Amino acid sequence: MTMGEKLHGVVPILPMPFTADGSDIEENDLRRMIDVLIDEGVHGIALLGVASEFYKVSDEERRRAVEIAVEQAAGRVPVVVNVTRHALELAVEDARHAQAIGADAVMVVPPFLMSPSAEAIGRHLFAVAESVDLPIVVQYAPEVTGVGIPADIFVELANRRAAPVYAKIESVPPGPLVSALIEKTDGKLGVFIGNSGRQMIDALRRGAVGVMPGASMAKIYVDIYEDFRRGEMERALERFERLLPIINHCSQTAESLIKYEKILLMRRGVFSSDRCRSPSFEPDGPYLQLFEKFIARLKEAFGYPNVREGAGSA
């Protein structure tokens, strides 16, 4: 991705595939998933976010995953790498590694343990942004981190940097903040919506440039996004209404979303295992039965996703 190109569209967060015993990253599954997503028309990929279980991978695994993603994407779509370390020095180190490997953008989670001050959060974000020449995405997820990011920080980042600046908004409700950030930065800040894209249509109508959902049903998000871009709002809404029940079912917690993502990717033949590292969410029988009904309804409506029978957690 060149400096003149902008991130946009559907940029799924990759779940981290593990071997069946959880001892290592399943590299073949990671490569296969990237190829499948690109074939489905995604506009970029992102990894090492919450949905990637970043808090359950080693430093070595983190770096290896970035190397694999950049190598496998091979310039076909932009690769966005999450920088999640709490220590500023380590966050800068990870950002520089991502740039050196060939990532196209860095997404930064602000420090949140021990309730850092707004000044400390700003210092962290500015330092990471200034350590690389890549586009920066600031992840704003107060429901997960428990910390807010003042709007002035977004404005200053957007005005200060030559490279593009984006925000991934996961506040509840996100709509007013999406509008405010676009207005306060005169459109310099590109906004993505997160939280499984539950407010995707609202965000796009307010001027958001895209969505960062999970990876297991990326094609449906791509179809909704492309419908919206073509001005086919009714068709976009029809797809979105079909998608919402399974989103709500799967994303009751971050861990439940991760597990269902892996179950579905395994059912689709993309992953060889749905293993999550402990502690993890394990759905019981009634949860899985309802999950099956939602999948069947999506398949009936859109012919997607193609799933195998009887695979996944029991």
Protein backbone atom coordinates (compact mmCIF):
# COMPACT_ATOMS: atom_id res chain seq x y z
CA MET A 1 0.00 0.00 0.00
CA THR A 2 1.46 3.34 -1.04
CA MET A 3 1.21 6.57 0.94
CA GLY A 4 -1.46 7.80 -1.45
CA GLU A 5 -3.70 4.78 -0.88
CA LYS A 6 -6.19 4.70 1.96
CA LEU A 7 -7.43 1.88 4.16
CA HIS A 8 -11.11 1.26 3.62
CA GLY A 9 -13.79 -1.37 3.35
CA VAL A 10 -13.89 -4.69 5.16
CA VAL A 11 -10.71 -5.38 7.15
CA PRO A 12 -11.35 -8.48 9.30
CA ILE A 13 -9.43 -9.25 12.48
CA LEU A 14 -7.82 -12.67 12.09
CA PRO A 15 -8.45 -15.22 14.84
CA MET A 16 -5.23 -16.98 15.78
CA PRO A 17 -5.30 -20.65 14.75
CA PHE A 18 -3.71 -23.02 17.24
CA THR A 19 -2.80 -26.68 17.04
CA ALA A 20 -5.31 -29.08 18.59
CA ASP A 21 -3.37 -29.19 21.86
CA GLY A 22 -2.92 -25.41 21.93
CA SER A 23 0.85 -25.65 22.07
CA ASP A 24 1.65 -23.69 18.92
CA ILE A 25 0.26 -21.55 16.11
CA GLU A 26 -1.11 -23.64 13.24
CA GLU A 27 0.72 -21.83 10.46
CA ASN A 28 -0.97 -23.64 7.57
CA ASP A 29 -4.39 -22.60 8.87
CA LEU A 30 -3.26 -18.98 9.13
CA ARG A 31 -2.05 -19.00 5.54
CA ARG A 32 -5.22 -20.73 4.32
CA MET A 33 -7.44 -18.21 6.10
CA ILE A 34 -5.63 -15.27 4.51
CA ASP A 35 -6.05 -16.77 1.04
CA VAL A 36 -9.75 -17.47 1.65
CA LEU A 37 -10.38 -13.93 2.88
CA ILE A 38 -8.63 -12.38 -0.10
CA ASP A 39 -10.67 -14.60 -2.43
CA GLU A 40 -13.82 -13.36 -0.66
CA GLY A 41 -12.95 -9.78 -1.54
CA VAL A 42 -11.79 -8.25 1.74
CA HIS A 43 -10.04 -4.91 1.44
CA GLY A 44 -7.36 -5.67 4.05
CA ILE A 45 -6.57 -7.95 6.97
CA ALA A 46 -5.62 -7.19 10.57
CA LEU A 47 -4.08 -9.37 13.23
CA LEU A 48 -3.07 -9.47 16.90
CA GLY A 49 -6.22 -7.76 18.11
CA VAL A 50 -8.49 -8.98 20.90
CA ALA A 51 -10.13 -11.39 18.45
CA SER A 52 -6.64 -12.81 17.76
CA GLU A 53 -6.16 -13.66 21.46
CA PHE A 54 -3.14 -11.34 21.53
CA TYR A 55 -3.07 -11.76 25.30
CA LYS A 56 -2.47 -15.51 24.91
CA VAL A 57 0.44 -15.56 22.45
CA SER A 58 4.16 -15.36 23.16
CA ASP A 59 6.43 -12.63 21.82
CA GLU A 60 7.96 -15.11 19.40
CA GLU A 61 4.53 -16.24 18.17
CA ARG A 62 3.41 -12.64 17.77
CA ARG A 63 6.35 -11.82 15.53
CA ARG A 64 6.07 -15.03 13.56
CA ALA A 65 2.37 -14.41 12.91
CA VAL A 66 3.16 -10.96 11.50
CA GLU A 67 5.83 -12.43 9.24
CA ILE A 68 3.44 -15.10 7.96
CA ALA A 69 0.63 -12.61 7.33
CA VAL A 70 2.82 -10.22 5.37
CA GLU A 71 4.39 -13.05 3.39
CA GLN A 72 1.07 -14.73 2.58
CA ALA A 73 -0.79 -11.53 1.70
CA ALA A 74 2.09 -10.74 -0.67
CA GLY A 75 0.84 -7.24 -1.39
CA ARG A 76 -2.62 -8.38 -2.49
CA VAL A 77 -4.30 -6.50 0.39
CA PRO A 78 -2.94 -4.24 3.15
CA VAL A 79 -1.85 -5.92 6.39
CA VAL A 80 -2.64 -4.07 9.62
CA VAL A 81 -0.72 -5.16 12.73
CA ASN A 82 -2.04 -4.50 16.22
CA VAL A 83 0.43 -3.12 18.76
CA THR A 84 -0.96 -3.99 22.18
CA ARG A 85 1.95 -3.80 24.61
CA HIS A 86 1.32 -1.73 27.69
CA ALA A 87 4.90 -0.48 28.02
CA LEU A 88 5.65 2.37 25.63
CA GLU A 89 9.15 1.11 24.88
CA LEU A 90 7.84 -2.34 23.92
CA ALA A 91 4.98 -0.91 21.89
CA VAL A 92 7.46 1.16 19.87
CA GLU A 93 9.60 -1.94 19.38
CA ASP A 94 6.63 -3.91 18.04
CA ALA A 95 5.55 -1.08 15.73
CA ARG A 96 9.04 -0.83 14.27
CA HIS A 97 9.17 -4.60 13.80
CA ALA A 98 5.87 -4.50 11.91
CA GLN A 99 7.20 -1.79 9.61
CA ALA A 100 10.49 -3.62 9.06
CA ILE A 101 8.69 -6.84 8.13
CA GLY A 102 6.54 -5.06 5.57
CA ALA A 103 3.21 -4.40 7.29
CA ASP A 104 1.09 -1.68 5.70
CA ALA A 105 -0.33 -0.09 8.86
CA VAL A 106 -0.14 -0.30 12.64
CA MET A 107 -3.14 -0.34 14.96
CA VAL A 108 -2.46 0.83 18.51
CA VAL A 109 -4.32 -0.14 21.67
CA PRO A 110 -3.67 2.52 24.33
CA PRO A 111 -2.33 1.43 27.72
CA PHE A 112 -5.16 0.64 30.11
CA LEU A 113 -3.91 -1.23 33.18
CA MET A 114 -3.70 0.86 36.36
CA SER A 115 -5.99 3.54 34.86
CA PRO A 116 -3.39 5.69 33.05
CA SER A 117 -4.08 9.40 32.75
CA ALA A 118 -5.22 11.03 29.52
CA GLU A 119 -1.76 12.59 29.31
CA ALA A 120 -0.08 9.17 29.56
CA ILE A 121 -2.41 7.72 26.93
CA GLY A 122 -1.69 10.61 24.58
CA ARG A 123 2.06 10.32 25.12
CA HIS A 124 1.88 6.59 24.31
CA LEU A 125 -0.12 7.07 21.12
CA PHE A 126 2.01 9.95 19.84
CA ALA A 127 5.26 8.11 20.53
CA VAL A 128 4.15 4.95 18.72
CA ALA A 129 2.83 7.01 15.81
CA GLU A 130 6.08 8.93 15.52
CA SER A 131 8.19 5.76 15.63
CA VAL A 132 7.01 4.59 12.19
CA ASP A 133 6.11 6.07 8.81
CA LEU A 134 3.09 3.82 8.37
CA PRO A 135 -0.58 4.76 8.63
CA ILE A 136 -1.81 4.48 12.22
CA VAL A 137 -5.13 3.14 13.49
CA VAL A 138 -6.06 4.01 17.07
CA GLN A 139 -8.33 1.40 18.64
CA TYR A 140 -10.92 2.99 20.89
CA ALA A 141 -12.61 0.20 22.87
CA PRO A 142 -13.59 1.62 26.28
CA GLU A 143 -15.93 -1.31 26.99
CA VAL A 144 -12.89 -3.62 26.88
CA THR A 145 -10.06 -1.41 28.14
CA GLY A 146 -11.97 0.73 30.61
CA VAL A 147 -10.19 3.89 29.45
CA GLY A 148 -11.30 6.75 27.24
CA ILE A 149 -9.31 8.69 24.67
CA PRO A 150 -10.06 12.43 24.53
CA ALA A 151 -11.20 13.62 21.10
CA ASP A 152 -8.39 16.20 21.10
CA ILE A 153 -5.84 13.37 20.85
CA PHE A 154 -7.44 12.08 17.66
CA VAL A 155 -7.55 15.60 16.25
CA GLU A 156 -3.90 16.28 17.04
CA LEU A 157 -2.79 12.95 15.57
CA ALA A 158 -4.72 13.60 12.38
CA ASN A 159 -3.26 17.09 12.04
CA ARG A 160 0.31 16.23 13.03
CA ARG A 161 1.05 13.16 10.89
CA ALA A 162 1.87 13.07 7.20
CA ALA A 163 0.75 9.44 6.96
CA PRO A 164 -2.97 8.67 7.29
CA VAL A 165 -4.57 8.31 10.72
CA TYR A 166 -7.62 6.17 11.46
CA ALA A 167 -9.74 5.25 14.45
CA LYS A 168 -11.41 1.93 15.12
CA ILE A 169 -14.46 2.88 17.18
CA GLU A 170 -15.93 0.32 19.56
CA SER A 171 -17.69 2.54 22.07
CA VAL A 172 -21.39 2.03 22.82
CA PRO A 173 -23.18 3.70 21.11
CA PRO A 174 -20.57 4.52 18.46
CA GLY A 175 -22.57 6.70 16.08
CA PRO A 176 -22.26 10.14 17.70
CA LEU A 177 -18.51 9.68 18.21
CA VAL A 178 -18.05 8.61 14.59
CA SER A 179 -19.76 11.81 13.44
CA ALA A 180 -17.89 14.02 15.92
CA LEU A 181 -14.43 12.72 15.00
CA ILE A 182 -15.03 13.12 11.28
CA GLU A 183 -16.34 16.65 11.84
CA LYS A 184 -13.59 17.73 14.27
CA THR A 185 -10.84 16.56 11.90
CA ASP A 186 -12.48 17.88 8.72
CA GLY A 187 -12.46 14.34 7.39
CA LYS A 188 -8.72 13.84 7.89
CA LEU A 189 -9.40 10.98 10.31
CA GLY A 190 -10.70 7.82 8.68
CA VAL A 191 -13.10 5.92 10.92
CA PHE A 192 -13.66 2.17 11.03
CA ILE A 193 -16.42 0.58 13.07
CA GLY A 194 -15.63 -2.47 15.21
CA ASN A 195 -17.69 -4.59 17.64
CA SER A 196 -18.46 -7.18 14.94
CA GLY A 197 -19.95 -4.43 12.79
CA ARG A 198 -23.20 -4.37 14.76
CA GLN A 199 -23.57 -0.67 13.94
CA MET A 200 -22.03 -0.95 10.48
CA ILE A 201 -24.87 0.64 8.51
CA ASP A 202 -25.20 3.58 10.90
CA ALA A 203 -21.44 4.17 10.86
CA LEU A 204 -21.20 4.06 7.06
CA ARG A 205 -24.09 6.51 6.76
CA ARG A 206 -22.19 8.88 9.07
CA GLY A 207 -19.08 8.75 6.90
CA ALA A 208 -17.07 5.80 8.26
CA VAL A 209 -14.64 4.34 5.73
CA GLY A 210 -15.13 0.71 6.68
CA VAL A 211 -15.66 -2.06 9.20
CA MET A 212 -13.31 -4.37 11.12
CA PRO A 213 -15.37 -7.49 11.88
CA GLY A 214 -14.42 -11.10 12.50
CA ALA A 215 -13.08 -13.29 9.72
CA SER A 216 -15.49 -16.22 9.61
CA MET A 217 -18.27 -14.51 7.61
CA ALA A 218 -16.26 -11.82 5.83
CA LYS A 219 -17.99 -12.27 2.48
CA ILE A 220 -21.33 -11.11 3.89
CA TYR A 221 -19.71 -7.94 5.24
CA VAL A 222 -18.06 -7.37 1.87
CA ASP A 223 -21.42 -7.74 0.13
CA ILE A 224 -23.07 -5.27 2.54
CA TYR A 225 -20.25 -2.77 2.11
CA GLU A 226 -20.32 -2.99 -1.67
CA ASP A 227 -24.12 -2.67 -1.70
CA PHE A 228 -23.77 0.49 0.37
CA ARG A 229 -21.09 1.93 -1.93
CA ARG A 230 -23.33 1.37 -4.93
CA GLY A 231 -26.20 3.15 -3.20
CA GLU A 232 -28.27 -0.04 -2.88
CA MET A 233 -29.36 0.70 0.68
CA GLU A 234 -32.36 -1.64 0.78
CA ARG A 235 -30.24 -4.58 -0.34
CA ALA A 236 -27.54 -3.69 2.20
CA LEU A 237 -30.16 -3.52 4.96
CA GLU A 238 -31.67 -6.85 3.92
CA ARG A 239 -28.30 -8.58 4.21
CA PHE A 240 -27.52 -6.77 7.44
CA GLU A 241 -30.81 -7.83 9.03
CA ARG A 242 -30.02 -11.46 8.23
CA LEU A 243 -26.55 -11.13 9.73
CA LEU A 244 -27.50 -9.44 13.01
CA PRO A 245 -28.98 -12.45 14.87
CA ILE A 246 -25.83 -14.54 14.57
CA ILE A 247 -23.63 -11.54 15.42
CA ASN A 248 -25.63 -10.95 18.59
CA HIS A 249 -25.54 -14.64 19.47
CA CYS A 250 -21.81 -15.06 18.97
CA SER A 251 -20.46 -11.78 20.33
CA GLN A 252 -21.98 -11.79 23.80
CA THR A 253 -18.40 -11.63 25.10
CA ALA A 254 -15.04 -11.31 23.38
CA GLU A 255 -14.21 -14.91 24.27
CA SER A 256 -17.51 -16.25 22.91
CA LEU A 257 -16.92 -14.42 19.63
CA ILE A 258 -13.43 -15.88 19.33
CA LYS A 259 -14.71 -19.41 19.94
CA TYR A 260 -17.59 -19.20 17.50
CA GLU A 261 -15.27 -17.69 14.87
CA LYS A 262 -13.02 -20.72 15.17
CA ILE A 263 -15.90 -23.20 15.18
CA LEU A 264 -17.25 -21.71 11.97
CA LEU A 265 -13.84 -21.55 10.30
CA MET A 266 -13.31 -25.19 11.20
CA ARG A 267 -16.75 -26.10 9.87
CA ARG A 268 -15.83 -24.32 6.63
CA GLY A 269 -12.62 -26.34 6.30
CA VAL A 270 -10.37 -23.32 6.82
CA PHE A 271 -9.12 -24.28 10.30
CA SER A 272 -8.09 -27.77 11.34
CA SER A 273 -8.97 -27.08 14.99
CA ASP A 274 -11.24 -24.71 16.90
CA ARG A 275 -8.88 -24.66 19.87
CA CYS A 276 -8.69 -21.50 21.99
CA ARG A 277 -6.05 -21.17 24.65
CA SER A 278 -7.34 -21.24 28.22
CA PRO A 279 -9.21 -19.61 29.75
CA SER A 280 -11.76 -19.75 26.98
CA PHE A 281 -15.49 -19.86 26.32
CA GLU A 282 -16.96 -23.28 25.60
CA PRO A 283 -20.55 -23.21 24.29
CA ASP A 284 -22.97 -25.80 25.63
CA GLY A 285 -25.56 -27.76 23.68
CA PRO A 286 -28.34 -25.15 23.57
CA TYR A 287 -25.89 -22.44 22.49
CA LEU A 288 -24.63 -24.60 19.64
CA GLN A 289 -28.13 -25.62 18.56
CA LEU A 290 -29.16 -21.98 18.17
CA PHE A 291 -25.88 -21.25 16.39
CA GLU A 292 -26.74 -23.99 13.88
CA LYS A 293 -30.16 -22.45 13.22
CA PHE A 294 -28.65 -19.03 12.52
CA ILE A 295 -26.06 -20.53 10.17
CA ALA A 296 -28.78 -22.47 8.33
CA ARG A 297 -30.81 -19.28 7.83
CA LEU A 298 -27.81 -17.43 6.42
CA LYS A 299 -27.09 -20.33 4.08
CA GLU A 300 -30.71 -20.42 2.93
CA ALA A 301 -30.75 -16.68 2.25
CA PHE A 302 -27.34 -16.21 0.62
CA GLY A 303 -25.89 -19.65 -0.13
CA TYR A 304 -23.11 -18.83 2.33
CA PRO A 305 -21.31 -19.95 4.43
CA ASN A 306 -20.59 -23.44 3.17
CA VAL A 307 -20.16 -25.61 6.24
CA ARG A 308 -19.49 -29.24 6.99
CA GLU A 309 -21.88 -31.21 9.16
CA GLY A 310 -21.00 -32.30 12.66
CA ALA A 311 -17.63 -30.56 13.10
CA GLY A 312 -16.67 -28.19 15.88
CA SER A 313 -17.08 -28.14 19.63
CA ALA A 314 -19.66 -30.31 21.28
